[in-house]
Amino acid sequence: MFACTHYLPHGRSDLSTYLREQVAAYLESSKVPGYLAGVYHAGQQFVVARGLANVVTGAPMRDDTGFLFGSITKVLTTTLVLQ
């Protein structure tokens, strides 16, 4: 999911509220236990964390929940460099 004020529906101007609504709707319509989304736009950072980070322990998803990317970081770095 990607959100940016350029892509907000007509009449919507609050990116943070829109992002929270979209994450909540996605969680309700999917079987994803947790979701963490972040957008950096116009010098501001918006982070939304919902659901569970760990379904076994019931630990909630938080704004500072860490993720191990493994070897995918090489692909992400290469993509950013080539852009």
PDB file of N, CA and C in Angstrom:
ATOM      1  N   MET A   1       0.847  -1.157   0.000  1.00  0.00           N
ATOM      2  CA  MET A   1       0.000   0.000   0.000  1.00  0.00           C
ATOM      3  C   MET A   1       0.894   1.222   0.000  1.00  0.00           C
ATOM      4  N   PHE A   2       0.587   2.204  -0.807  1.00  0.00           N
ATOM      5  CA  PHE A   2       1.346   3.435  -0.874  1.00  0.00           C
ATOM      6  C   PHE A   2       0.381   4.594  -0.804  1.00  0.00           C
ATOM      7  N   ALA A   3       0.673   5.551   0.026  1.00  0.00           N
ATOM      8  CA  ALA A   3      -0.194   6.719   0.137  1.00  0.00           C
ATOM      9  C   ALA A   3       0.633   7.984  -0.003  1.00  0.00           C
ATOM     10  N   CYS A   4       0.099   8.930  -0.670  1.00  0.00           N
ATOM     11  CA  CYS A   4       0.741  10.219  -0.859  1.00  0.00           C
ATOM     12  C   CYS A   4      -0.362  11.235  -1.097  1.00  0.00           C
ATOM     13  N   THR A   5      -0.147  12.472  -0.712  1.00  0.00           N
ATOM     14  CA  THR A   5      -1.216  13.451  -0.873  1.00  0.00           C
ATOM     15  C   THR A   5      -1.619  13.606  -2.333  1.00  0.00           C
ATOM     16  N   HIS A   6      -0.730  13.289  -3.260  1.00  0.00           N
ATOM     17  CA  HIS A   6      -1.076  13.364  -4.678  1.00  0.00           C
ATOM     18  C   HIS A   6      -2.103  12.299  -5.053  1.00  0.00           C
ATOM     19  N   TYR A   7      -2.204  11.263  -4.252  1.00  0.00           N
ATOM     20  CA  TYR A   7      -3.105  10.158  -4.548  1.00  0.00           C
ATOM     21  C   TYR A   7      -4.309  10.101  -3.613  1.00  0.00           C
ATOM     22  N   LEU A   8      -4.464  11.100  -2.778  1.00  0.00           N
ATOM     23  CA  LEU A   8      -5.610  11.121  -1.871  1.00  0.00           C
ATOM     24  C   LEU A   8      -6.889  11.350  -2.678  1.00  0.00           C
ATOM     25  N   PRO A   9      -7.973  10.687  -2.273  1.00  0.00           N
ATOM     26  CA  PRO A   9      -9.244  10.910  -2.963  1.00  0.00           C
ATOM     27  C   PRO A   9      -9.671  12.371  -2.870  1.00  0.00           C
ATOM     28  N   HIS A  10     -10.442  12.793  -3.830  1.00  0.00           N
ATOM     29  CA  HIS A  10     -10.922  14.175  -3.869  1.00  0.00           C
ATOM     30  C   HIS A  10     -11.598  14.535  -2.549  1.00  0.00           C
ATOM     31  N   GLY A  11     -11.269  15.680  -2.022  1.00  0.00           N
ATOM     32  CA  GLY A  11     -11.865  16.128  -0.777  1.00  0.00           C
ATOM     33  C   GLY A  11     -11.123  15.688   0.469  1.00  0.00           C
ATOM     34  N   ARG A  12     -10.085  14.872   0.318  1.00  0.00           N
ATOM     35  CA  ARG A  12      -9.300  14.398   1.469  1.00  0.00           C
ATOM     36  C   ARG A  12      -7.974  15.151   1.499  1.00  0.00           C
ATOM     37  N   SER A  13      -7.611  15.659   2.649  1.00  0.00           N
ATOM     38  CA  SER A  13      -6.350  16.388   2.743  1.00  0.00           C
ATOM     39  C   SER A  13      -5.472  15.911   3.895  1.00  0.00           C
ATOM     40  N   ASP A  14      -5.994  15.081   4.790  1.00  0.00           N
ATOM     41  CA  ASP A  14      -5.236  14.617   5.939  1.00  0.00           C
ATOM     42  C   ASP A  14      -4.640  13.242   5.655  1.00  0.00           C
ATOM     43  N   LEU A  15      -3.369  13.200   5.340  1.00  0.00           N
ATOM     44  CA  LEU A  15      -2.690  11.958   4.990  1.00  0.00           C
ATOM     45  C   LEU A  15      -2.676  10.971   6.154  1.00  0.00           C
ATOM     46  N   SER A  16      -2.443  11.452   7.367  1.00  0.00           N
ATOM     47  CA  SER A  16      -2.382  10.567   8.520  1.00  0.00           C
ATOM     48  C   SER A  16      -3.707   9.833   8.744  1.00  0.00           C
ATOM     49  N   THR A  17      -4.804  10.544   8.705  1.00  0.00           N
ATOM     50  CA  THR A  17      -6.123   9.931   8.887  1.00  0.00           C
ATOM     51  C   THR A  17      -6.424   8.958   7.756  1.00  0.00           C
ATOM     52  N   TYR A  18      -6.118   9.369   6.533  1.00  0.00           N
ATOM     53  CA  TYR A  18      -6.358   8.508   5.373  1.00  0.00           C
ATOM     54  C   TYR A  18      -5.555   7.215   5.480  1.00  0.00           C
ATOM     55  N   LEU A  19      -4.294   7.319   5.879  1.00  0.00           N
ATOM     56  CA  LEU A  19      -3.437   6.144   6.015  1.00  0.00           C
ATOM     57  C   LEU A  19      -3.987   5.204   7.089  1.00  0.00           C
ATOM     58  N   ARG A  20      -4.408   5.740   8.228  1.00  0.00           N
ATOM     59  CA  ARG A  20      -4.980   4.919   9.302  1.00  0.00           C
ATOM     60  C   ARG A  20      -6.248   4.203   8.826  1.00  0.00           C
ATOM     61  N   GLU A  21      -7.097   4.901   8.093  1.00  0.00           N
ATOM     62  CA  GLU A  21      -8.328   4.298   7.581  1.00  0.00           C
ATOM     63  C   GLU A  21      -8.029   3.174   6.597  1.00  0.00           C
ATOM     64  N   GLN A  22      -7.054   3.385   5.714  1.00  0.00           N
ATOM     65  CA  GLN A  22      -6.707   2.381   4.720  1.00  0.00           C
ATOM     66  C   GLN A  22      -6.105   1.136   5.364  1.00  0.00           C
ATOM     67  N   VAL A  23      -5.251   1.322   6.371  1.00  0.00           N
ATOM     68  CA  VAL A  23      -4.653   0.182   7.067  1.00  0.00           C
ATOM     69  C   VAL A  23      -5.743  -0.602   7.800  1.00  0.00           C
ATOM     70  N   ALA A  24      -6.646   0.097   8.472  1.00  0.00           N
ATOM     71  CA  ALA A  24      -7.739  -0.574   9.191  1.00  0.00           C
ATOM     72  C   ALA A  24      -8.617  -1.365   8.221  1.00  0.00           C
ATOM     73  N   ALA A  25      -8.941  -0.777   7.079  1.00  0.00           N
ATOM     74  CA  ALA A  25      -9.774  -1.457   6.080  1.00  0.00           C
ATOM     75  C   ALA A  25      -9.062  -2.684   5.521  1.00  0.00           C
ATOM     76  N   TYR A  26      -7.749  -2.573   5.284  1.00  0.00           N
ATOM     77  CA  TYR A  26      -6.989  -3.700   4.750  1.00  0.00           C
ATOM     78  C   TYR A  26      -6.971  -4.856   5.749  1.00  0.00           C
ATOM     79  N   LEU A  27      -6.751  -4.547   7.022  1.00  0.00           N
ATOM     80  CA  LEU A  27      -6.723  -5.600   8.035  1.00  0.00           C
ATOM     81  C   LEU A  27      -8.073  -6.297   8.157  1.00  0.00           C
ATOM     82  N   GLU A  28      -9.157  -5.545   8.047  1.00  0.00           N
ATOM     83  CA  GLU A  28     -10.487  -6.131   8.140  1.00  0.00           C
ATOM     84  C   GLU A  28     -10.802  -7.032   6.947  1.00  0.00           C
ATOM     85  N   SER A  29     -10.264  -6.707   5.769  1.00  0.00           N
ATOM     86  CA  SER A  29     -10.594  -7.453   4.560  1.00  0.00           C
ATOM     87  C   SER A  29      -9.598  -8.571   4.239  1.00  0.00           C
ATOM     88  N   SER A  30      -8.537  -8.695   5.022  1.00  0.00           N
ATOM     89  CA  SER A  30      -7.520  -9.712   4.749  1.00  0.00           C
ATOM     90  C   SER A  30      -7.299 -10.573   5.981  1.00  0.00           C
ATOM     91  N   LYS A  31      -6.441 -11.546   5.829  1.00  0.00           N
ATOM     92  CA  LYS A  31      -6.104 -12.413   6.954  1.00  0.00           C
ATOM     93  C   LYS A  31      -4.733 -12.067   7.522  1.00  0.00           C
ATOM     94  N   VAL A  32      -4.294 -10.848   7.289  1.00  0.00           N
ATOM     95  CA  VAL A  32      -3.010 -10.393   7.801  1.00  0.00           C
ATOM     96  C   VAL A  32      -3.178 -10.056   9.283  1.00  0.00           C
ATOM     97  N   PRO A  33      -2.358 -10.648  10.164  1.00  0.00           N
ATOM     98  CA  PRO A  33      -2.541 -10.399  11.594  1.00  0.00           C
ATOM     99  C   PRO A  33      -2.092  -9.014  12.056  1.00  0.00           C
ATOM    100  N   GLY A  34      -1.155  -8.419  11.328  1.00  0.00           N
ATOM    101  CA  GLY A  34      -0.656  -7.107  11.727  1.00  0.00           C
ATOM    102  C   GLY A  34      -0.099  -6.352  10.535  1.00  0.00           C
ATOM    103  N   TYR A  35      -0.024  -5.044  10.687  1.00  0.00           N
ATOM    104  CA  TYR A  35       0.404  -4.208   9.570  1.00  0.00           C
ATOM    105  C   TYR A  35       1.135  -2.988  10.107  1.00  0.00           C
ATOM    106  N   LEU A  36       2.219  -2.644   9.462  1.00  0.00           N
ATOM    107  CA  LEU A  36       2.975  -1.451   9.806  1.00  0.00           C
ATOM    108  C   LEU A  36       3.233  -0.705   8.511  1.00  0.00           C
ATOM    109  N   ALA A  37       2.759   0.524   8.446  1.00  0.00           N
ATOM    110  CA  ALA A  37       2.922   1.320   7.233  1.00  0.00           C
ATOM    111  C   ALA A  37       3.546   2.660   7.595  1.00  0.00           C
ATOM    112  N   GLY A  38       4.433   3.119   6.749  1.00  0.00           N
ATOM    113  CA  GLY A  38       5.061   4.408   6.974  1.00  0.00           C
ATOM    114  C   GLY A  38       5.173   5.179   5.678  1.00  0.00           C
ATOM    115  N   VAL A  39       4.946   6.464   5.772  1.00  0.00           N
ATOM    116  CA  VAL A  39       5.051   7.345   4.611  1.00  0.00           C
ATOM    117  C   VAL A  39       5.829   8.585   5.047  1.00  0.00           C
ATOM    118  N   TYR A  40       6.794   8.961   4.244  1.00  0.00           N
ATOM    119  CA  TYR A  40       7.517  10.208   4.469  1.00  0.00           C
ATOM    120  C   TYR A  40       7.152  11.127   3.316  1.00  0.00           C
ATOM    121  N   HIS A  41       6.530  12.250   3.639  1.00  0.00           N
ATOM    122  CA  HIS A  41       6.081  13.161   2.591  1.00  0.00           C
ATOM    123  C   HIS A  41       6.165  14.599   3.085  1.00  0.00           C
ATOM    124  N   ALA A  42       6.720  15.448   2.259  1.00  0.00           N
ATOM    125  CA  ALA A  42       6.799  16.892   2.538  1.00  0.00           C
ATOM    126  C   ALA A  42       7.427  17.177   3.904  1.00  0.00           C
ATOM    127  N   GLY A  43       8.459  16.409   4.244  1.00  0.00           N
ATOM    128  CA  GLY A  43       9.172  16.635   5.489  1.00  0.00           C
ATOM    129  C   GLY A  43       8.510  16.070   6.723  1.00  0.00           C
ATOM    130  N   GLN A  44       7.420  15.344   6.553  1.00  0.00           N
ATOM    131  CA  GLN A  44       6.733  14.751   7.688  1.00  0.00           C
ATOM    132  C   GLN A  44       6.706  13.233   7.554  1.00  0.00           C
ATOM    133  N   GLN A  45       6.782  12.556   8.691  1.00  0.00           N
ATOM    134  CA  GLN A  45       6.726  11.100   8.724  1.00  0.00           C
ATOM    135  C   GLN A  45       5.411  10.673   9.350  1.00  0.00           C
ATOM    136  N   PHE A  46       4.721   9.753   8.687  1.00  0.00           N
ATOM    137  CA  PHE A  46       3.468   9.201   9.185  1.00  0.00           C
ATOM    138  C   PHE A  46       3.659   7.701   9.345  1.00  0.00           C
ATOM    139  N   VAL A  47       3.390   7.176  10.533  1.00  0.00           N
ATOM    140  CA  VAL A  47       3.536   5.752  10.793  1.00  0.00           C
ATOM    141  C   VAL A  47       2.246   5.241  11.427  1.00  0.00           C
ATOM    142  N   VAL A  48       1.768   4.107  10.925  1.00  0.00           N
ATOM    143  CA  VAL A  48       0.562   3.483  11.459  1.00  0.00           C
ATOM    144  C   VAL A  48       0.877   2.022  11.744  1.00  0.00           C
ATOM    145  N   ALA A  49       0.599   1.589  12.963  1.00  0.00           N
ATOM    146  CA  ALA A  49       0.805   0.197  13.361  1.00  0.00           C
ATOM    147  C   ALA A  49      -0.524  -0.336  13.901  1.00  0.00           C
ATOM    148  N   ARG A  50      -0.960  -1.473  13.367  1.00  0.00           N
ATOM    149  CA  ARG A  50      -2.218  -2.085  13.813  1.00  0.00           C
ATOM    150  C   ARG A  50      -2.064  -3.594  13.855  1.00  0.00           C
ATOM    151  N   GLY A  51      -2.836  -4.228  14.695  1.00  0.00           N
ATOM    152  CA  GLY A  51      -2.856  -5.686  14.753  1.00  0.00           C
ATOM    153  C   GLY A  51      -1.750  -6.264  15.616  1.00  0.00           C
ATOM    154  N   LEU A  52      -1.381  -7.506  15.294  1.00  0.00           N
ATOM    155  CA  LEU A  52      -0.399  -8.246  16.086  1.00  0.00           C
ATOM    156  C   LEU A  52       0.943  -8.369  15.374  1.00  0.00           C
ATOM    157  N   ALA A  53       2.007  -8.195  16.141  1.00  0.00           N
ATOM    158  CA  ALA A  53       3.353  -8.425  15.623  1.00  0.00           C
ATOM    159  C   ALA A  53       3.718  -9.896  15.749  1.00  0.00           C
ATOM    160  N   ASN A  54       3.137 -10.570  16.750  1.00  0.00           N
ATOM    161  CA  ASN A  54       3.416 -11.980  16.996  1.00  0.00           C
ATOM    162  C   ASN A  54       2.110 -12.660  17.400  1.00  0.00           C
ATOM    163  N   VAL A  55       1.618 -13.544  16.556  1.00  0.00           N
ATOM    164  CA  VAL A  55       0.336 -14.200  16.834  1.00  0.00           C
ATOM    165  C   VAL A  55       0.437 -15.222  17.969  1.00  0.00           C
ATOM    166  N   VAL A  56       1.632 -15.737  18.230  1.00  0.00           N
ATOM    167  CA  VAL A  56       1.815 -16.722  19.297  1.00  0.00           C
ATOM    168  C   VAL A  56       1.747 -16.050  20.668  1.00  0.00           C
ATOM    169  N   THR A  57       2.478 -14.953  20.815  1.00  0.00           N
ATOM    170  CA  THR A  57       2.525 -14.269  22.107  1.00  0.00           C
ATOM    171  C   THR A  57       1.435 -13.214  22.259  1.00  0.00           C
ATOM    172  N   GLY A  58       0.847 -12.801  21.138  1.00  0.00           N
ATOM    173  CA  GLY A  58      -0.165 -11.749  21.188  1.00  0.00           C
ATOM    174  C   GLY A  58       0.426 -10.363  21.291  1.00  0.00           C
ATOM    175  N   ALA A  59       1.727 -10.240  21.056  1.00  0.00           N
ATOM    176  CA  ALA A  59       2.385  -8.930  21.131  1.00  0.00           C
ATOM    177  C   ALA A  59       1.814  -8.009  20.051  1.00  0.00           C
ATOM    178  N   PRO A  60       1.463  -6.794  20.425  1.00  0.00           N
ATOM    179  CA  PRO A  60       0.883  -5.878  19.446  1.00  0.00           C
ATOM    180  C   PRO A  60       1.928  -5.287  18.500  1.00  0.00           C
ATOM    181  N   MET A  61       1.482  -4.922  17.316  1.00  0.00           N
ATOM    182  CA  MET A  61       2.331  -4.200  16.377  1.00  0.00           C
ATOM    183  C   MET A  61       2.466  -2.782  16.910  1.00  0.00           C
ATOM    184  N   ARG A  62       3.682  -2.276  16.947  1.00  0.00           N
ATOM    185  CA  ARG A  62       3.931  -0.911  17.430  1.00  0.00           C
ATOM    186  C   ARG A  62       4.666  -0.119  16.373  1.00  0.00           C
ATOM    187  N   ASP A  63       4.670   1.191  16.530  1.00  0.00           N
ATOM    188  CA  ASP A  63       5.373   2.061  15.584  1.00  0.00           C
ATOM    189  C   ASP A  63       6.854   1.734  15.481  1.00  0.00           C
ATOM    190  N   ASP A  64       7.435   1.187  16.551  1.00  0.00           N
ATOM    191  CA  ASP A  64       8.866   0.884  16.548  1.00  0.00           C
ATOM    192  C   ASP A  64       9.165  -0.612  16.449  1.00  0.00           C
ATOM    193  N   THR A  65       8.188  -1.406  16.017  1.00  0.00           N
ATOM    194  CA  THR A  65       8.410  -2.840  15.842  1.00  0.00           C
ATOM    195  C   THR A  65       9.485  -3.052  14.774  1.00  0.00           C
ATOM    196  N   GLY A  66      10.485  -3.857  15.097  1.00  0.00           N
ATOM    197  CA  GLY A  66      11.575  -4.119  14.164  1.00  0.00           C
ATOM    198  C   GLY A  66      11.306  -5.353  13.317  1.00  0.00           C
ATOM    199  N   PHE A  67      11.845  -5.355  12.119  1.00  0.00           N
ATOM    200  CA  PHE A  67      11.697  -6.484  11.200  1.00  0.00           C
ATOM    201  C   PHE A  67      13.059  -6.863  10.652  1.00  0.00           C
ATOM    202  N   LEU A  68      13.287  -8.156  10.494  1.00  0.00           N
ATOM    203  CA  LEU A  68      14.518  -8.635   9.877  1.00  0.00           C
ATOM    204  C   LEU A  68      14.274  -8.802   8.389  1.00  0.00           C
ATOM    205  N   PHE A  69      15.014  -8.079   7.598  1.00  0.00           N
ATOM    206  CA  PHE A  69      14.833  -8.138   6.156  1.00  0.00           C
ATOM    207  C   PHE A  69      15.664  -9.216   5.487  1.00  0.00           C
ATOM    208  N   GLY A  70      16.725  -9.650   6.137  1.00  0.00           N
ATOM    209  CA  GLY A  70      17.568 -10.671   5.538  1.00  0.00           C
ATOM    210  C   GLY A  70      18.251 -10.163   4.286  1.00  0.00           C
ATOM    211  N   SER A  71      18.386 -11.026   3.302  1.00  0.00           N
ATOM    212  CA  SER A  71      19.128 -10.650   2.093  1.00  0.00           C
ATOM    213  C   SER A  71      18.323  -9.781   1.132  1.00  0.00           C
ATOM    214  N   ILE A  72      17.071  -9.496   1.432  1.00  0.00           N
ATOM    215  CA  ILE A  72      16.285  -8.635   0.547  1.00  0.00           C
ATOM    216  C   ILE A  72      16.792  -7.191   0.573  1.00  0.00           C
ATOM    217  N   THR A  73      17.542  -6.827   1.624  1.00  0.00           N
ATOM    218  CA  THR A  73      18.049  -5.455   1.688  1.00  0.00           C
ATOM    219  C   THR A  73      18.989  -5.153   0.519  1.00  0.00           C
ATOM    220  N   LYS A  74      19.669  -6.161   0.000  1.00  0.00           N
ATOM    221  CA  LYS A  74      20.544  -5.945  -1.160  1.00  0.00           C
ATOM    222  C   LYS A  74      19.721  -5.524  -2.372  1.00  0.00           C
ATOM    223  N   VAL A  75      18.585  -6.164  -2.556  1.00  0.00           N
ATOM    224  CA  VAL A  75      17.705  -5.831  -3.681  1.00  0.00           C
ATOM    225  C   VAL A  75      17.143  -4.425  -3.498  1.00  0.00           C
ATOM    226  N   LEU A  76      16.703  -4.097  -2.297  1.00  0.00           N
ATOM    227  CA  LEU A  76      16.158  -2.764  -2.041  1.00  0.00           C
ATOM    228  C   LEU A  76      17.207  -1.684  -2.245  1.00  0.00           C
ATOM    229  N   THR A  77      18.415  -1.922  -1.742  1.00  0.00           N
ATOM    230  CA  THR A  77      19.499  -0.948  -1.907  1.00  0.00           C
ATOM    231  C   THR A  77      19.840  -0.750  -3.371  1.00  0.00           C
ATOM    232  N   THR A  78      19.947  -1.825  -4.114  1.00  0.00           N
ATOM    233  CA  THR A  78      20.247  -1.745  -5.551  1.00  0.00           C
ATOM    234  C   THR A  78      19.161  -0.982  -6.285  1.00  0.00           C
ATOM    235  N   THR A  79      17.925  -1.242  -5.965  1.00  0.00           N
ATOM    236  CA  THR A  79      16.813  -0.543  -6.612  1.00  0.00           C
ATOM    237  C   THR A  79      16.876   0.949  -6.334  1.00  0.00           C
ATOM    238  N   LEU A  80      17.149   1.319  -5.098  1.00  0.00           N
ATOM    239  CA  LEU A  80      17.247   2.740  -4.763  1.00  0.00           C
ATOM    240  C   LEU A  80      18.419   3.407  -5.478  1.00  0.00           C
ATOM    241  N   VAL A  81      19.550   2.725  -5.551  1.00  0.00           N
ATOM    242  CA  VAL A  81      20.721   3.288  -6.216  1.00  0.00           C
ATOM    243  C   VAL A  81      20.463   3.476  -7.712  1.00  0.00           C
ATOM    244  N   LEU A  82      19.788   2.529  -8.334  1.00  0.00           N
ATOM    245  CA  LEU A  82      19.553   2.585  -9.773  1.00  0.00           C
ATOM    246  C   LEU A  82      18.478   3.600 -10.162  1.00  0.00           C
ATOM    247  N   GLN A  83      17.680   4.020  -9.197  1.00  0.00           N
ATOM    248  CA  GLN A  83      16.664   5.009  -9.545  1.00  0.00           C
ATOM    249  C   GLN A  83      17.323   6.326  -9.628  1.00  0.00           C
TER     250      GLN A  83
END
